Amino acid sequence: MAVKNYHSISIKSGSATLEISGNPDKDVHDARHSFVDPTASLAGIIELGKKVYIGPFVRVEAKVPYRVKLTGEDNLQDNVSIFVSTRDTTIGEQTSVAHGAQIINSTLGHFVFIGFNAFIENSVIEDGAMILHGARVIGVTIPKDRIVPPGSIVTSEDQTKFLLPVEEANIEFKEEVISVNIELASGYRQLEPGNPGLNRVSPNPRTSWNNESESLSLAVKSKFPPTLGL
């Protein structure tokens, strides 16, 4: 059956249902450029938009009937954890969640950046905001285009009134992170299914900063199962 005939596609992957939805002639096709690393653990209903990158050892768990929606061009980097048990969780377009960050029952807006090992629980992070490395945000709304400094603990709305706005350098940084991870999603998708990265270090994907990728012999590729790229 042709993909273009459907507004929604559900793909079973272990204990997760991956849903790709949108315009049948464009968005669904674009969503197939998303990449889910084989070491990622997904459980529940996970909705993927276009060009989403889910990195190694990521955990995304949505307790039924709730779901996690990655809107498009988002990236969940190595060891990120997202747990949903009380509400649907949406991650807006072009949002980056960096290595080791944890998101629990929270919503992230568009063009948000969550830093290394940050912790977000029962909160709303509005469009353009940045939660920097090691910060903890619990039970609050972080206003649009504001920065939570590294290591900060924000647990009251009063604290959010003193947060500084993002600057042009912050915007450029976020744009670069998004660009890199979109390329990674595309590059890993282009690697032949069955590459050794399923069980050990793989050849690097072809990107703008790495124009050469190792070629794999058919003999080697035949030993490994397909990846979970969509």
Foldseek 3Di string as FASTA:
>chain_A
DDQLVDQWDWDDDPQETEIQGDRSVPFSVQQLLFAAFQQEAEHYYEYETGLEYEEHPEYEYADPPEYEYEHYLEYEYAQEYEYEDPHHEYAEDLEYEDAQEYHYNEYEYYLEYEEHNEYEYCEYEYAQEYEYACEYEYNYYQDHQFYHDHNHYHDDPVVNVPTDGDDPVNSVVSVVVSQVSSQQSNQVVPPDFQFPVSPDDGWGGDGPVRNDTDDDDPVNSVVGGGGPRD
